[in-house]
N, C-alpha and C. Protein backbone atom coordinates (compact mmCIF):
# COMPACT_ATOMS: atom_id res chain seq x y z
N MET A 1 25.17 -5.44 19.18
CA MET A 1 24.88 -3.98 18.91
C MET A 1 24.25 -4.05 17.32
N PHE A 2 24.05 -5.19 16.57
CA PHE A 2 23.74 -5.21 15.67
C PHE A 2 22.13 -4.30 15.23
N TYR A 3 21.18 -4.70 16.13
CA TYR A 3 19.91 -4.03 16.36
C TYR A 3 19.75 -2.79 16.66
N ALA A 4 20.91 -2.20 17.33
CA ALA A 4 20.72 -0.76 17.72
C ALA A 4 21.73 0.16 16.49
N ASN A 5 22.14 -0.67 15.41
CA ASN A 5 22.59 0.43 14.22
C ASN A 5 21.55 0.72 13.66
N ASN A 6 21.51 2.45 13.08
CA ASN A 6 20.59 2.63 12.62
C ASN A 6 20.58 2.40 11.21
N ASP A 7 21.50 2.35 10.51
CA ASP A 7 21.74 1.40 9.25
C ASP A 7 21.21 0.03 9.09
N VAL A 8 21.26 -0.63 9.98
CA VAL A 8 20.73 -2.30 9.80
C VAL A 8 19.06 -1.70 10.02
N ILE A 9 18.90 -1.29 11.36
CA ILE A 9 17.36 -0.65 11.29
C ILE A 9 16.49 -0.33 10.13
N ASN A 10 17.08 0.75 9.72
CA ASN A 10 16.57 1.27 8.39
C ASN A 10 16.44 0.24 7.16
N SER A 11 17.42 -0.62 7.04
CA SER A 11 17.46 -1.60 5.82
C SER A 11 16.48 -2.65 6.13
N LEU A 12 16.57 -3.20 7.45
CA LEU A 12 15.64 -4.48 7.71
C LEU A 12 13.95 -3.88 7.62
N THR A 13 13.91 -2.33 8.07
CA THR A 13 12.44 -1.88 7.88
C THR A 13 11.92 -1.57 6.48
N GLU A 14 13.07 -1.10 5.74
CA GLU A 14 12.85 -0.62 4.28
C GLU A 14 12.47 -2.33 3.45
N ASN A 15 13.08 -3.53 3.70
CA ASN A 15 13.17 -4.65 3.20
C ASN A 15 11.41 -4.97 3.43
N LEU A 16 11.16 -5.26 4.97
CA LEU A 16 10.12 -5.59 5.29
C LEU A 16 8.62 -4.83 4.73
N GLN A 17 8.75 -3.38 4.43
CA GLN A 17 7.92 -2.76 3.87
C GLN A 17 8.08 -3.05 2.32
N GLY A 18 8.93 -3.58 1.63
CA GLY A 18 8.75 -3.98 0.20
C GLY A 18 8.63 -5.30 0.27
N GLN A 19 9.28 -5.74 -0.79
CA GLN A 19 9.34 -7.45 -1.48
C GLN A 19 9.34 -8.42 -0.42
N TYR A 20 9.91 -8.08 0.90
CA TYR A 20 10.16 -9.27 1.51
C TYR A 20 9.03 -9.33 3.02
N PHE A 21 8.06 -8.74 2.61
CA PHE A 21 6.85 -8.64 3.36
C PHE A 21 5.40 -7.88 2.73
N CYS A 22 5.54 -6.70 3.14
CA CYS A 22 4.16 -5.97 2.56
C CYS A 22 4.05 -5.89 1.13
N GLU A 23 4.82 -6.11 0.19
CA GLU A 23 4.78 -6.32 -1.10
C GLU A 23 4.78 -7.58 -1.64
N ASP A 24 5.22 -8.58 -0.92
CA ASP A 24 5.00 -9.85 -1.17
C ASP A 24 3.81 -10.37 -1.94
N PRO A 25 3.62 -10.97 -3.21
CA PRO A 25 2.48 -11.21 -3.47
C PRO A 25 1.98 -12.35 -2.66
N GLU A 26 2.59 -13.11 -2.18
CA GLU A 26 2.00 -14.23 -1.23
C GLU A 26 1.17 -13.69 -0.08
N MET A 27 1.64 -12.59 0.41
CA MET A 27 0.98 -12.06 1.36
C MET A 27 -0.74 -11.50 1.06
N GLY A 28 -0.86 -11.65 -0.40
CA GLY A 28 -2.16 -11.47 -0.83
C GLY A 28 -2.86 -9.79 -0.27
N PHE A 29 -1.78 -8.95 0.13
CA PHE A 29 -2.55 -7.73 0.30
C PHE A 29 -3.14 -6.84 -0.86
N THR A 30 -4.43 -6.10 -0.55
CA THR A 30 -4.25 -5.28 -1.53
C THR A 30 -3.59 -3.95 -1.61
N GLU A 31 -3.48 -3.07 -2.62
CA GLU A 31 -2.94 -1.87 -2.68
C GLU A 31 -2.82 -1.18 -1.57
N ASP A 32 -4.31 -1.01 -1.03
CA ASP A 32 -4.19 -0.12 0.36
C ASP A 32 -3.70 -0.93 1.42
N GLN A 33 -3.87 -2.03 1.53
CA GLN A 33 -3.03 -3.09 2.79
C GLN A 33 -1.77 -2.85 2.47
N VAL A 34 -1.23 -2.83 1.38
CA VAL A 34 0.19 -2.54 1.23
C VAL A 34 0.55 -1.42 1.61
N LYS A 35 -0.18 -0.37 1.46
CA LYS A 35 0.30 1.06 1.86
C LYS A 35 0.38 0.83 3.34
N GLU A 36 -0.66 0.35 3.93
CA GLU A 36 -1.02 0.36 5.63
C GLU A 36 0.18 -0.29 6.12
N CYS A 37 0.45 -1.43 5.43
CA CYS A 37 1.52 -2.55 6.01
C CYS A 37 2.73 -1.74 6.23
N ALA A 38 3.35 -0.91 5.11
CA ALA A 38 4.51 -0.27 4.94
C ALA A 38 4.51 0.94 5.95
N GLU A 39 3.35 1.52 6.35
CA GLU A 39 3.35 2.64 7.22
C GLU A 39 3.47 2.05 8.74
N ASN A 40 2.63 0.82 8.90
CA ASN A 40 2.96 -0.03 10.40
C ASN A 40 4.33 -0.37 10.40
N MET A 41 5.12 -0.87 9.50
CA MET A 41 6.35 -1.30 9.47
C MET A 41 7.30 0.14 10.06
N SER A 42 7.16 0.96 9.47
CA SER A 42 7.78 2.55 9.82
C SER A 42 7.74 2.87 11.17
N VAL A 43 6.51 2.41 11.86
CA VAL A 43 6.17 2.66 13.37
C VAL A 43 6.77 1.39 14.23
N PHE A 44 6.27 0.36 13.92
CA PHE A 44 6.47 -0.82 14.54
C PHE A 44 8.02 -1.05 14.69
N MET A 45 8.73 -1.14 13.64
CA MET A 45 9.94 -1.90 13.57
C MET A 45 11.05 -1.34 14.16
N PRO A 46 11.28 -0.16 14.14
CA PRO A 46 12.53 0.40 14.82
C PRO A 46 12.51 0.38 16.45
N PRO A 47 11.26 0.63 16.82
CA PRO A 47 11.51 0.27 18.52
C PRO A 47 11.84 -1.13 18.68
N ALA A 48 10.90 -1.97 18.08
CA ALA A 48 11.15 -3.39 18.28
C ALA A 48 12.45 -4.01 18.30
N LEU A 49 13.11 -3.58 16.93
CA LEU A 49 14.42 -3.93 16.76
C LEU A 49 15.35 -3.74 17.84
N LYS A 50 15.17 -2.33 18.32
CA LYS A 50 16.18 -1.88 19.27
C LYS A 50 15.74 -2.56 20.82
N LEU A 51 14.38 -2.94 20.91
CA LEU A 51 14.19 -3.72 22.02
C LEU A 51 14.93 -5.14 21.97
N ILE A 52 14.78 -5.81 20.86
CA ILE A 52 15.50 -6.90 20.50
C ILE A 52 16.75 -7.10 20.68
N GLY A 53 17.54 -5.99 20.34
CA GLY A 53 18.89 -5.83 20.30
C GLY A 53 19.29 -5.63 21.99
N GLY A 54 18.62 -4.91 22.83
CA GLY A 54 19.01 -4.58 23.86
C GLY A 54 18.81 -5.91 24.59
N ALA A 55 17.77 -6.86 24.71
CA ALA A 55 17.40 -8.16 25.34
C ALA A 55 18.58 -9.02 24.84
N VAL A 56 19.11 -9.11 23.87
CA VAL A 56 19.94 -9.78 22.99
C VAL A 56 21.45 -9.60 23.95
N VAL A 57 21.72 -8.16 23.93
CA VAL A 57 22.98 -7.88 24.89
C VAL A 57 22.76 -8.23 26.37
N MET A 58 21.49 -8.01 26.94
CA MET A 58 21.33 -8.22 28.35
C MET A 58 21.26 -9.64 28.86
N TYR A 59 20.73 -10.80 27.77
CA TYR A 59 20.89 -12.07 27.93
C TYR A 59 21.67 -12.99 27.23
N ASN A 60 22.74 -12.16 26.57
CA ASN A 60 23.51 -12.93 25.64
C ASN A 60 24.19 -14.33 26.13
N ASN A 61 24.66 -14.49 27.59
CA ASN A 61 24.97 -15.59 28.05
C ASN A 61 23.99 -16.73 27.90
N ASP A 62 22.45 -16.45 28.27
CA ASP A 62 21.59 -17.43 28.34
C ASP A 62 21.36 -17.83 26.96
N ILE A 63 21.18 -16.68 26.05
CA ILE A 63 21.04 -17.32 24.82
C ILE A 63 21.87 -18.14 24.34
N CYS A 64 23.30 -17.79 24.31
CA CYS A 64 24.40 -18.68 24.00
C CYS A 64 23.94 -20.31 24.54
N ASN A 65 23.91 -20.20 25.95
CA ASN A 65 23.77 -21.50 26.51
C ASN A 65 22.59 -22.05 25.92
N ALA A 66 21.59 -21.25 25.64
CA ALA A 66 20.38 -22.30 24.95
C ALA A 66 20.73 -22.96 23.53
N TRP A 67 21.43 -22.14 23.07
CA TRP A 67 21.59 -22.73 21.54
C TRP A 67 22.95 -23.52 21.27
N TYR A 68 24.10 -23.28 22.17
CA TYR A 68 25.27 -24.04 21.90
C TYR A 68 25.59 -24.90 23.47
N GLU A 69 26.08 -25.93 23.28
CA GLU A 69 26.64 -26.48 24.16
C GLU A 69 28.19 -26.49 24.38
N GLY A 70 28.72 -26.11 25.30
CA GLY A 70 30.05 -26.33 25.83
C GLY A 70 31.01 -25.03 25.21
N ILE A 71 30.62 -24.10 24.73
CA ILE A 71 31.34 -23.20 24.14
C ILE A 71 31.08 -21.98 24.56
N CYS A 72 30.04 -21.74 25.54
CA CYS A 72 29.92 -20.49 26.12
C CYS A 72 30.21 -20.37 27.48
N PRO A 73 30.15 -19.14 27.92
CA PRO A 73 30.58 -19.15 29.57
C PRO A 73 29.56 -20.22 30.36
N ALA A 74 30.05 -20.70 31.18
CA ALA A 74 29.39 -21.45 32.18
C ALA A 74 27.90 -20.65 32.64
N LYS A 75 27.27 -21.81 32.75
CA LYS A 75 25.82 -21.62 33.30
C LYS A 75 25.75 -21.27 34.63
N LEU A 76 25.02 -20.05 35.07
CA LEU A 76 25.12 -19.76 36.36
C LEU A 76 24.01 -20.60 37.13
N LYS A 77 24.39 -21.13 38.52
CA LYS A 77 23.39 -21.82 38.96
C LYS A 77 22.85 -20.83 40.15
N PHE A 78 21.79 -20.91 40.68
CA PHE A 78 21.35 -20.16 41.91
C PHE A 78 20.65 -20.98 42.79
N TYR A 79 20.75 -20.96 43.94
CA TYR A 79 20.57 -22.02 44.68
C TYR A 79 19.57 -21.35 45.70
């Protein structure tokens, strides 16, 4: 439920709007591009993070089995 938490969503979005993406000098964005990037992040990231969070919840067993061997619930086999 990490990505469904509004505080987490807001924090991640704000960080991407700032120094961790849009304002990162290595991105080479102009001042206008930084502003556009920040605006785009405010529109794109909240629903994207909620979608990712929903997928993680829905496929948690599959994700666990793909990353870890022997500690997750058994893989289901379909015949």
